[in-house]
C-alpha atoms as a PDB file:
ATOM      1  CA  MET A   1      48.706 -70.661 -57.112  1.00  0.00           C
ATOM      2  CA  ARG A   2      51.168 -69.301 -59.810  1.00  0.00           C
ATOM      3  CA  TYR A   3      53.719 -72.024 -58.340  1.00  0.00           C
ATOM      4  CA  ARG A   4      51.248 -74.316 -58.075  1.00  0.00           C
ATOM      5  CA  SER A   5      51.020 -74.293 -62.382  1.00  0.00           C
ATOM      6  CA  PHE A   6      54.872 -74.190 -62.633  1.00  0.00           C
ATOM      7  CA  GLU A   7      54.508 -77.947 -60.091  1.00  0.00           C
ATOM      8  CA  LYS A   8      51.703 -79.127 -62.927  1.00  0.00           C
ATOM      9  CA  HIS A   9      53.949 -78.748 -65.716  1.00  0.00           C
ATOM     10  CA  TYR A  10      57.636 -79.979 -63.869  1.00  0.00           C
ATOM     11  CA  HIS A  11      55.137 -83.228 -63.263  1.00  0.00           C
ATOM     12  CA  LEU A  12      53.772 -83.348 -66.310  1.00  0.00           C
ATOM     13  CA  MET A  13      57.865 -83.386 -67.680  1.00  0.00           C
ATOM     14  CA  LEU A  14      58.370 -86.597 -66.104  1.00  0.00           C
ATOM     15  CA  LEU A  15      55.554 -87.934 -66.849  1.00  0.00           C
ATOM     16  CA  PRO A  16      56.708 -90.086 -70.393  1.00  0.00           C
ATOM     17  CA  GLY A  17      59.962 -91.077 -67.980  1.00  0.00           C
ATOM     18  CA  ILE A  18      58.214 -92.605 -65.565  1.00  0.00           C
ATOM     19  CA  ILE A  19      56.253 -94.519 -67.506  1.00  0.00           C
ATOM     20  CA  LEU A  20      59.095 -95.695 -70.017  1.00  0.00           C
ATOM     21  CA  LEU A  21      60.849 -96.883 -66.375  1.00  0.00           C
ATOM     22  CA  CYS A  22      57.248 -98.133 -65.485  1.00  0.00           C
ATOM     23  CA  ILE A  23      57.332-100.358 -68.529  1.00  0.00           C
ATOM     24  CA  PHE A  24      61.224-101.506 -68.881  1.00  0.00           C
ATOM     25  CA  SER A  25      61.860-101.459 -65.621  1.00  0.00           C
ATOM     26  CA  VAL A  26      59.390-102.498 -63.058  1.00  0.00           C
ATOM     27  CA  ILE A  27      56.601-103.852 -64.828  1.00  0.00           C
ATOM     28  CA  PRO A  28      59.440-107.105 -65.945  1.00  0.00           C
ATOM     29  CA  MET A  29      60.679-107.182 -61.886  1.00  0.00           C
ATOM     30  CA  PHE A  30      56.937-109.662 -61.841  1.00  0.00           C
ATOM     31  CA  GLY A  31      59.376-112.207 -63.746  1.00  0.00           C
ATOM     32  CA  LEU A  32      61.632-112.433 -60.729  1.00  0.00           C
ATOM     33  CA  ILE A  33      58.597-115.069 -59.569  1.00  0.00           C
ATOM     34  CA  MET A  34      60.106-117.660 -62.020  1.00  0.00           C
ATOM     35  CA  ALA A  35      63.307-118.249 -60.016  1.00  0.00           C
ATOM     36  CA  PHE A  36      61.333-120.738 -57.567  1.00  0.00           C
ATOM     37  CA  GLN A  37      59.937-121.771 -60.178  1.00  0.00           C
ATOM     38  CA  ASP A  38      60.132-125.018 -62.884  1.00  0.00           C
ATOM     39  CA  PHE A  39      59.304-122.347 -65.500  1.00  0.00           C
ATOM     40  CA  LYS A  40      57.899-124.500 -68.077  1.00  0.00           C
ATOM     41  CA  LEU A  41      57.650-121.529 -71.481  1.00  0.00           C
ATOM     42  CA  GLY A  42      53.813-123.501 -72.365  1.00  0.00           C
ATOM     43  CA  PHE A  43      52.624-123.544 -68.668  1.00  0.00           C
ATOM     44  CA  GLY A  44      53.357-119.906 -67.964  1.00  0.00           C
ATOM     45  CA  ILE A  45      54.428-118.283 -64.870  1.00  0.00           C
ATOM     46  CA  TRP A  46      51.502-118.613 -63.175  1.00  0.00           C
ATOM     47  CA  ARG A  47      50.643-122.303 -64.442  1.00  0.00           C
ATOM     48  CA  SER A  48      54.528-123.551 -63.671  1.00  0.00           C
ATOM     49  CA  PRO A  49      55.458-125.602 -60.833  1.00  0.00           C
ATOM     50  CA  TRP A  50      57.007-124.443 -57.607  1.00  0.00           C
ATOM     51  CA  ILE A  51      59.923-125.558 -56.745  1.00  0.00           C
ATOM     52  CA  GLY A  52      61.226-123.422 -54.009  1.00  0.00           C
ATOM     53  CA  LEU A  53      65.225-122.507 -53.885  1.00  0.00           C
ATOM     54  CA  GLU A  54      65.782-125.124 -55.405  1.00  0.00           C
ATOM     55  CA  ASN A  55      67.385-122.896 -58.780  1.00  0.00           C
ATOM     56  CA  PHE A  56      69.361-121.562 -56.203  1.00  0.00           C
ATOM     57  CA  GLN A  57      71.137-124.445 -54.536  1.00  0.00           C
ATOM     58  CA  TYR A  58      71.267-125.646 -57.909  1.00  0.00           C
ATOM     59  CA  MET A  59      73.823-122.785 -58.789  1.00  0.00           C
ATOM     60  CA  LEU A  60      75.580-122.525 -55.664  1.00  0.00           C
ATOM     61  CA  GLN A  61      76.569-126.809 -56.505  1.00  0.00           C
ATOM     62  CA  MET A  62      77.122-125.767 -59.711  1.00  0.00           C
ATOM     63  CA  SER A  63      81.190-126.824 -60.864  1.00  0.00           C
ATOM     64  CA  ASP A  64      80.522-123.424 -62.970  1.00  0.00           C
ATOM     65  CA  SER A  65      79.111-121.134 -60.115  1.00  0.00           C
ATOM     66  CA  ARG A  66      82.644-119.904 -58.629  1.00  0.00           C
ATOM     67  CA  LEU A  67      84.849-119.779 -61.633  1.00  0.00           C
ATOM     68  CA  ILE A  68      81.880-117.363 -63.228  1.00  0.00           C
ATOM     69  CA  PHE A  69      81.892-115.416 -59.561  1.00  0.00           C
ATOM     70  CA  TYR A  70      85.678-115.331 -59.765  1.00  0.00           C
ATOM     71  CA  ASN A  71      86.094-113.405 -63.581  1.00  0.00           C
ATOM     72  CA  THR A  72      83.390-110.935 -62.187  1.00  0.00           C
ATOM     73  CA  LEU A  73      85.301-110.293 -59.119  1.00  0.00           C
ATOM     74  CA  PHE A  74      88.628-110.351 -61.219  1.00  0.00           C
ATOM     75  CA  LEU A  75      87.601-108.324 -63.912  1.00  0.00           C
ATOM     76  CA  ALA A  76      85.534-105.837 -62.241  1.00  0.00           C
ATOM     77  CA  SER A  77      88.271-105.221 -60.160  1.00  0.00           C
ATOM     78  CA  CYS A  78      90.959-105.162 -61.826  1.00  0.00           C
ATOM     79  CA  LYS A  79      88.760-102.308 -64.492  1.00  0.00           C
ATOM     80  CA  ILE A  80      87.838-100.647 -60.885  1.00  0.00           C
ATOM     81  CA  VAL A  81      90.750 -99.547 -60.150  1.00  0.00           C
ATOM     82  CA  MET A  82      91.960 -98.794 -64.070  1.00  0.00           C
ATOM     83  CA  ASN A  83      89.590 -97.024 -64.002  1.00  0.00           C
ATOM     84  CA  LEU A  84      90.944 -94.714 -61.183  1.00  0.00           C
ATOM     85  CA  VAL A  85      94.333 -94.298 -61.423  1.00  0.00           C
ATOM     86  CA  VAL A  86      94.594 -93.846 -65.288  1.00  0.00           C
ATOM     87  CA  PRO A  87      92.120 -90.582 -65.408  1.00  0.00           C
ATOM     88  CA  LEU A  88      93.954 -89.393 -62.566  1.00  0.00           C
ATOM     89  CA  VAL A  89      97.291 -89.450 -63.474  1.00  0.00           C
ATOM     90  CA  PHE A  90      95.804 -88.843 -66.998  1.00  0.00           C
ATOM     91  CA  ALA A  91      94.674 -85.237 -66.026  1.00  0.00           C
ATOM     92  CA  VAL A  92      96.873 -84.673 -63.403  1.00  0.00           C
ATOM     93  CA  LEU A  93      99.370 -84.541 -66.285  1.00  0.00           C
ATOM     94  CA  LEU A  94      96.872 -82.721 -68.978  1.00  0.00           C
ATOM     95  CA  ASN A  95      96.779 -79.924 -66.514  1.00  0.00           C
ATOM     96  CA  GLU A  96     100.618 -79.493 -66.247  1.00  0.00           C
ATOM     97  CA  LEU A  97     100.535 -78.481 -69.288  1.00  0.00           C
ATOM     98  CA  ARG A  98     101.530 -74.181 -69.842  1.00  0.00           C
ATOM     99  CA  LEU A  99      99.050 -74.297 -73.907  1.00  0.00           C
ATOM    100  CA  ARG A 100      95.532 -73.721 -73.657  1.00  0.00           C
ATOM    101  CA  MET A 101      94.687 -74.895 -76.988  1.00  0.00           C
ATOM    102  CA  PHE A 102      97.267 -77.829 -77.457  1.00  0.00           C
ATOM    103  CA  LYS A 103      95.653 -79.040 -73.836  1.00  0.00           C
ATOM    104  CA  ARG A 104      91.582 -78.602 -75.195  1.00  0.00           C
ATOM    105  CA  TRP A 105      93.107 -80.595 -78.803  1.00  0.00           C
ATOM    106  CA  VAL A 106      94.020 -83.662 -76.589  1.00  0.00           C
ATOM    107  CA  GLN A 107      91.204 -83.914 -74.011  1.00  0.00           C
ATOM    108  CA  THR A 108      88.682 -83.938 -77.408  1.00  0.00           C
ATOM    109  CA  ILE A 109      90.949 -86.861 -78.727  1.00  0.00           C
ATOM    110  CA  VAL A 110      91.129 -89.289 -75.898  1.00  0.00           C
ATOM    111  CA  TYR A 111      87.668 -88.906 -74.916  1.00  0.00           C
ATOM    112  CA  ILE A 112      85.704 -89.806 -78.244  1.00  0.00           C
ATOM    113  CA  PRO A 113      85.915 -93.432 -77.512  1.00  0.00           C
ATOM    114  CA  HIS A 114      83.534 -92.949 -74.635  1.00  0.00           C
ATOM    115  CA  PHE A 115      81.055 -92.283 -77.155  1.00  0.00           C
ATOM    116  CA  LEU A 116      81.412 -95.141 -79.820  1.00  0.00           C
ATOM    117  CA  SER A 117      79.579 -98.070 -78.949  1.00  0.00           C
ATOM    118  CA  TRP A 118      81.611-101.750 -78.346  1.00  0.00           C
ATOM    119  CA  VAL A 119      80.120-103.388 -81.307  1.00  0.00           C
ATOM    120  CA  ILE A 120      82.340-100.802 -83.162  1.00  0.00           C
ATOM    121  CA  ILE A 121      85.602-100.347 -80.911  1.00  0.00           C
ATOM    122  CA  SER A 122      85.647-104.276 -80.577  1.00  0.00           C
ATOM    123  CA  GLY A 123      85.055-105.240 -84.639  1.00  0.00           C
ATOM    124  CA  ILE A 124      88.358-102.860 -84.477  1.00  0.00           C
ATOM    125  CA  ILE A 125      90.098-104.840 -81.743  1.00  0.00           C
ATOM    126  CA  VAL A 126      89.419-108.450 -83.873  1.00  0.00           C
ATOM    127  CA  GLU A 127      91.010-107.362 -86.554  1.00  0.00           C
ATOM    128  CA  MET A 128      94.175-105.697 -84.750  1.00  0.00           C
ATOM    129  CA  LEU A 129      94.537-108.722 -82.897  1.00  0.00           C
ATOM    130  CA  SER A 130      93.662-111.488 -85.308  1.00  0.00           C
ATOM    131  CA  LEU A 131      96.518-113.322 -87.003  1.00  0.00           C
ATOM    132  CA  ASP A 132      96.772-110.881 -89.756  1.00  0.00           C
ATOM    133  CA  GLY A 133      96.203-108.051 -88.061  1.00  0.00           C
ATOM    134  CA  ILE A 134      98.529-105.208 -87.412  1.00  0.00           C
ATOM    135  CA  VAL A 135      99.701-105.913 -84.308  1.00  0.00           C
ATOM    136  CA  ASN A 136     100.967-109.839 -85.940  1.00  0.00           C
ATOM    137  CA  GLY A 137     102.192-108.370 -88.189  1.00  0.00           C
ATOM    138  CA  VAL A 138     104.344-106.099 -86.321  1.00  0.00           C
ATOM    139  CA  ILE A 139     105.385-109.424 -84.253  1.00  0.00           C
ATOM    140  CA  ARG A 140     106.484-111.141 -87.638  1.00  0.00           C
ATOM    141  CA  MET A 141     108.296-108.046 -88.519  1.00  0.00           C
ATOM    142  CA  PHE A 142     110.432-108.465 -85.547  1.00  0.00           C
ATOM    143  CA  GLY A 143     111.097-112.407 -85.397  1.00  0.00           C
ATOM    144  CA  GLY A 144     107.686-113.476 -83.922  1.00  0.00           C
ATOM    145  CA  LYS A 145     105.454-115.819 -84.447  1.00  0.00           C
ATOM    146  CA  GLY A 146     101.715-114.790 -85.117  1.00  0.00           C
ATOM    147  CA  ILE A 147      99.239-114.767 -81.385  1.00  0.00           C
ATOM    148  CA  LEU A 148      95.732-115.501 -81.300  1.00  0.00           C
ATOM    149  CA  PHE A 149      94.888-113.162 -78.923  1.00  0.00           C
ATOM    150  CA  LEU A 150      91.596-113.107 -78.468  1.00  0.00           C
ATOM    151  CA  ALA A 151      91.844-117.274 -78.486  1.00  0.00           C
ATOM    152  CA  SER A 152      93.993-117.008 -75.045  1.00  0.00           C
ATOM    153  CA  ASN A 153      93.377-116.633 -71.624  1.00  0.00           C
ATOM    154  CA  ASN A 154      96.440-115.519 -70.515  1.00  0.00           C
ATOM    155  CA  TRP A 155      95.703-112.297 -72.759  1.00  0.00           C
ATOM    156  CA  PHE A 156      92.397-112.097 -73.068  1.00  0.00           C
ATOM    157  CA  PRO A 157      91.894-110.779 -69.470  1.00  0.00           C
ATOM    158  CA  ALA A 158      94.065-108.209 -70.287  1.00  0.00           C
ATOM    159  CA  ILE A 159      92.844-106.566 -73.371  1.00  0.00           C
ATOM    160  CA  LEU A 160      89.197-106.980 -71.616  1.00  0.00           C
ATOM    161  CA  VAL A 161      90.302-104.065 -69.071  1.00  0.00           C
ATOM    162  CA  SER A 162      93.357-102.186 -71.303  1.00  0.00           C
ATOM    163  CA  SER A 163      90.528-101.210 -74.328  1.00  0.00           C
ATOM    164  CA  ASP A 164      87.841-100.539 -71.045  1.00  0.00           C
ATOM    165  CA  VAL A 165      90.559 -98.260 -69.899  1.00  0.00           C
ATOM    166  CA  TRP A 166      90.892 -96.532 -73.144  1.00  0.00           C
ATOM    167  CA  LYS A 167      87.565 -96.330 -73.816  1.00  0.00           C
ATOM    168  CA  GLU A 168      86.164 -94.616 -70.612  1.00  0.00           C
ATOM    169  CA  PHE A 169      89.730 -92.750 -69.015  1.00  0.00           C
ATOM    170  CA  GLY A 170      89.818 -89.389 -71.194  1.00  0.00           C
ATOM    171  CA  PHE A 171      85.496 -88.765 -70.201  1.00  0.00           C
ATOM    172  CA  GLY A 172      86.765 -89.974 -67.160  1.00  0.00           C
ATOM    173  CA  ALA A 173      89.424 -87.269 -66.345  1.00  0.00           C
ATOM    174  CA  ILE A 174      87.228 -84.787 -67.399  1.00  0.00           C
ATOM    175  CA  ILE A 175      85.789 -85.134 -63.446  1.00  0.00           C
ATOM    176  CA  TYR A 176      89.312 -84.546 -62.229  1.00  0.00           C
ATOM    177  CA  LEU A 177      89.536 -81.323 -64.699  1.00  0.00           C
ATOM    178  CA  ALA A 178      87.141 -79.820 -62.749  1.00  0.00           C
ATOM    179  CA  ALA A 179      87.756 -80.905 -59.438  1.00  0.00           C
ATOM    180  CA  LEU A 180      91.529 -79.525 -60.248  1.00  0.00           C
ATOM    181  CA  THR A 181      88.945 -76.514 -61.165  1.00  0.00           C
ATOM    182  CA  GLY A 182      88.550 -76.107 -57.081  1.00  0.00           C
ATOM    183  CA  ILE A 183      91.382 -75.731 -56.130  1.00  0.00           C
ATOM    184  CA  SER A 184      92.856 -71.885 -55.696  1.00  0.00           C
ATOM    185  CA  PRO A 185      95.717 -70.657 -58.219  1.00  0.00           C
ATOM    186  CA  SER A 186      96.506 -68.675 -55.013  1.00  0.00           C
ATOM    187  CA  LEU A 187      98.221 -71.847 -53.889  1.00  0.00           C
ATOM    188  CA  TYR A 188      99.895 -72.597 -56.525  1.00  0.00           C
ATOM    189  CA  GLU A 189     101.644 -68.308 -56.410  1.00  0.00           C
ATOM    190  CA  SER A 190     102.153 -69.310 -52.489  1.00  0.00           C
ATOM    191  CA  ALA A 191     103.792 -72.262 -53.596  1.00  0.00           C
ATOM    192  CA  ALA A 192     106.024 -70.784 -56.323  1.00  0.00           C
ATOM    193  CA  ILE A 193     107.134 -67.666 -54.604  1.00  0.00           C
ATOM    194  CA  ASP A 194     108.523 -70.170 -51.550  1.00  0.00           C
ATOM    195  CA  GLY A 195     110.330 -71.391 -54.505  1.00  0.00           C
ATOM    196  CA  ALA A 196     108.151 -75.297 -54.679  1.00  0.00           C
ATOM    197  CA  THR A 197     109.171 -76.909 -58.374  1.00  0.00           C
ATOM    198  CA  ARG A 198     106.075 -77.528 -60.118  1.00  0.00           C
ATOM    199  CA  ARG A 199     106.779 -81.737 -59.384  1.00  0.00           C
ATOM    200  CA  GLN A 200     106.525 -80.635 -55.502  1.00  0.00           C
ATOM    201  CA  ARG A 201     103.275 -78.118 -56.183  1.00  0.00           C
ATOM    202  CA  MET A 202     101.845 -80.961 -58.268  1.00  0.00           C
ATOM    203  CA  LEU A 203     102.511 -83.807 -55.104  1.00  0.00           C
ATOM    204  CA  TYR A 204     101.718 -81.054 -52.215  1.00  0.00           C
ATOM    205  CA  ILE A 205      99.568 -79.041 -53.289  1.00  0.00           C
ATOM    206  CA  THR A 206      97.371 -80.844 -56.439  1.00  0.00           C
ATOM    207  CA  LEU A 207      97.281 -84.463 -55.429  1.00  0.00           C
ATOM    208  CA  PRO A 208      96.023 -83.970 -51.796  1.00  0.00           C
ATOM    209  CA  GLY A 209      92.884 -81.281 -53.565  1.00  0.00           C
ATOM    210  CA  LEU A 210      92.080 -84.202 -55.565  1.00  0.00           C
ATOM    211  CA  LEU A 211      92.116 -87.009 -52.507  1.00  0.00           C
ATOM    212  CA  PRO A 212      88.649 -86.122 -52.618  1.00  0.00           C
ATOM    213  CA  THR A 213      87.412 -86.328 -55.672  1.00  0.00           C
ATOM    214  CA  VAL A 214      89.485 -89.823 -55.785  1.00  0.00           C
ATOM    215  CA  ILE A 215      88.104 -91.020 -52.112  1.00  0.00           C
ATOM    216  CA  LEU A 216      85.006 -90.230 -53.577  1.00  0.00           C
ATOM    217  CA  MET A 217      84.874 -92.172 -56.969  1.00  0.00           C
ATOM    218  CA  GLY A 218      86.594 -94.749 -54.921  1.00  0.00           C
ATOM    219  CA  THR A 219      83.521 -95.312 -52.937  1.00  0.00           C
ATOM    220  CA  LEU A 220      80.853 -95.316 -55.377  1.00  0.00           C
ATOM    221  CA  SER A 221      82.547 -97.707 -58.090  1.00  0.00           C
ATOM    222  CA  ILE A 222      82.353-100.414 -55.240  1.00  0.00           C
ATOM    223  CA  SER A 223      78.719-100.454 -56.084  1.00  0.00           C
ATOM    224  CA  ASN A 224      79.506-101.797 -59.691  1.00  0.00           C
ATOM    225  CA  ILE A 225      82.004-104.627 -58.724  1.00  0.00           C
ATOM    226  CA  LEU A 226      79.462-107.523 -59.952  1.00  0.00           C
ATOM    227  CA  ASN A 227      79.257-105.175 -63.270  1.00  0.00           C
ATOM    228  CA  ALA A 228      81.965-106.681 -65.378  1.00  0.00           C
ATOM    229  CA  GLY A 229      80.825-105.648 -68.710  1.00  0.00           C
ATOM    230  CA  PHE A 230      78.216-107.250 -70.298  1.00  0.00           C
ATOM    231  CA  ASP A 231      78.794-105.708 -73.849  1.00  0.00           C
ATOM    232  CA  GLN A 232      82.032-105.412 -73.777  1.00  0.00           C
ATOM    233  CA  ILE A 233      82.797-109.438 -73.423  1.00  0.00           C
ATOM    234  CA  PHE A 234      79.723-110.024 -75.109  1.00  0.00           C
ATOM    235  CA  ASN A 235      80.777-108.460 -78.005  1.00  0.00           C
ATOM    236  CA  LEU A 236      84.940-109.944 -77.651  1.00  0.00           C
ATOM    237  CA  TYR A 237      84.578-113.539 -76.349  1.00  0.00           C
ATOM    238  CA  ASN A 238      84.704-116.781 -77.635  1.00  0.00           C
ATOM    239  CA  PRO A 239      83.788-120.478 -75.844  1.00  0.00           C
ATOM    240  CA  MET A 240      88.689-120.651 -76.126  1.00  0.00           C
ATOM    241  CA  VAL A 241      88.381-118.142 -73.504  1.00  0.00           C
ATOM    242  CA  TYR A 242      84.959-118.930 -71.300  1.00  0.00           C
ATOM    243  CA  GLU A 243      87.621-119.635 -68.381  1.00  0.00           C
ATOM    244  CA  SER A 244      88.804-116.574 -68.117  1.00  0.00           C
ATOM    245  CA  ALA A 245      85.983-114.295 -69.186  1.00  0.00           C
ATOM    246  CA  ASP A 246      82.685-116.548 -68.637  1.00  0.00           C
ATOM    247  CA  ILE A 247      81.027-113.393 -66.553  1.00  0.00           C
ATOM    248  CA  ILE A 248      77.700-113.985 -64.708  1.00  0.00           C
ATOM    249  CA  ASP A 249      75.856-111.682 -67.335  1.00  0.00           C
ATOM    250  CA  THR A 250      77.021-113.683 -70.160  1.00  0.00           C
ATOM    251  CA  TYR A 251      75.642-117.104 -68.238  1.00  0.00           C
ATOM    252  CA  VAL A 252      72.302-115.325 -67.634  1.00  0.00           C
ATOM    253  CA  TYR A 253      72.318-114.403 -71.272  1.00  0.00           C
ATOM    254  CA  ARG A 254      74.133-118.388 -72.441  1.00  0.00           C
ATOM    255  CA  SER A 255      71.049-120.575 -70.248  1.00  0.00           C
ATOM    256  CA  GLY A 256      68.708-118.232 -70.031  1.00  0.00           C
ATOM    257  CA  LEU A 257      67.840-117.511 -73.421  1.00  0.00           C
ATOM    258  CA  LEU A 258      70.303-120.118 -75.714  1.00  0.00           C
ATOM    259  CA  GLN A 259      69.694-122.567 -72.944  1.00  0.00           C
ATOM    260  CA  ALA A 260      66.266-121.368 -72.103  1.00  0.00           C
ATOM    261  CA  GLN A 261      66.819-122.845 -68.018  1.00  0.00           C
ATOM    262  CA  PHE A 262      64.847-119.979 -67.378  1.00  0.00           C
ATOM    263  CA  GLY A 263      64.840-120.260 -63.970  1.00  0.00           C
ATOM    264  CA  LEU A 264      68.376-120.953 -63.217  1.00  0.00           C
ATOM    265  CA  ALA A 265      69.386-118.093 -65.339  1.00  0.00           C
ATOM    266  CA  THR A 266      66.835-115.219 -63.237  1.00  0.00           C
ATOM    267  CA  ALA A 267      68.053-116.870 -59.997  1.00  0.00           C
ATOM    268  CA  VAL A 268      71.270-116.167 -61.008  1.00  0.00           C
ATOM    269  CA  GLY A 269      70.734-112.442 -61.832  1.00  0.00           C
ATOM    270  CA  LEU A 270      67.898-112.130 -59.248  1.00  0.00           C
ATOM    271  CA  MET A 271      70.997-112.964 -56.424  1.00  0.00           C
ATOM    272  CA  LYS A 272      73.230-110.293 -57.881  1.00  0.00           C
ATOM    273  CA  SER A 273      71.162-107.995 -58.227  1.00  0.00           C
ATOM    274  CA  VAL A 274      69.894-108.291 -54.436  1.00  0.00           C
ATOM    275  CA  ILE A 275      73.858-108.329 -53.615  1.00  0.00           C
ATOM    276  CA  SER A 276      74.184-104.751 -55.907  1.00  0.00           C
ATOM    277  CA  PHE A 277      72.380-103.133 -54.921  1.00  0.00           C
ATOM    278  CA  ILE A 278      73.944-103.940 -50.851  1.00  0.00           C
ATOM    279  CA  LEU A 279      76.790-102.985 -52.471  1.00  0.00           C
ATOM    280  CA  ILE A 280      75.697 -99.028 -53.561  1.00  0.00           C
ATOM    281  CA  MET A 281      74.047 -98.627 -49.978  1.00  0.00           C
ATOM    282  CA  PHE A 282      77.266 -99.737 -48.286  1.00  0.00           C
ATOM    283  CA  SER A 283      79.034 -97.838 -51.471  1.00  0.00           C
ATOM    284  CA  TYR A 284      76.717 -95.397 -50.959  1.00  0.00           C
ATOM    285  CA  GLY A 285      77.500 -94.775 -47.004  1.00  0.00           C
ATOM    286  CA  LEU A 286      81.486 -94.866 -47.086  1.00  0.00           C
ATOM    287  CA  ALA A 287      80.629 -91.765 -49.863  1.00  0.00           C
ATOM    288  CA  TYR A 288      79.037 -90.277 -47.382  1.00  0.00           C
ATOM    289  CA  ARG A 289      81.419 -91.410 -44.320  1.00  0.00           C
ATOM    290  CA  PHE A 290      84.663 -90.029 -46.082  1.00  0.00           C
ATOM    291  CA  ALA A 291      84.004 -88.043 -48.575  1.00  0.00           C
ATOM    292  CA  ASN A 292      80.372 -85.819 -46.954  1.00  0.00           C
ATOM    293  CA  TYR A 293      78.699 -86.462 -50.706  1.00  0.00           C
ATOM    294  CA  ARG A 294      74.726 -87.800 -50.728  1.00  0.00           C
ATOM    295  CA  ILE A 295      72.072 -87.673 -53.071  1.00  0.00           C
ATOM    296  CA  PHE A 296      69.238 -87.785 -49.670  1.00  0.00           C
END
């Protein structure tokens, strides 16, 4: 009886979160009906005519559809790879430092950007990369010409990836630093007695010890292959870089809210959600197989 009373308290603690989840995540799913309708705002969901899969057919026939999916996959893939490699390298190098206070100071500094919103960071980037910004000022100082970084399809993808890595690598390194604590110090002591250098200890003890964590993070990140970062791109992009920066989420925003093509936008979002769900199941399967990670 006492256990059941505690269990009721836990359920009551969960109740506000469950209510919010239902309001903002479950109930809005009824709006997916619009993907199969020629939705008219004046008619509403129940009176708009049904058109079956025409929105999906039109989506696949659009001239921009290939570009949108390519940009999404390309940007997301670059971010996933760089957000695996850079935090790993940083964590390994930081672990090699001997001064503990300095290590803590560096770790604190580099993960602060994770807690800043893209609105703030985008404002900083825009000011730095504008024609009158500090970057173009340095370029002119050495005799070069100013560059419109945020209006160039050649530069914009690199800016998106590098700024995302800068924002997240410090926080992502925490996972690898935590994994490093699980490596037995006796392995390093034995290797040092045998004459192994610090570089050899890093190559043959540290990196193999981190390999399961790297595999786990890599497989789980597959589920984000269609999430290229709406917040970041929305705050940085403009019509001049649609060719290299327009992704599924930004297209859904423009077509649905700005152009009032609610049925088409819902169809695009639904297709992305279905593919993402399949990728999540696939990534968790890989994580269980290669890293023995499971959530159920």
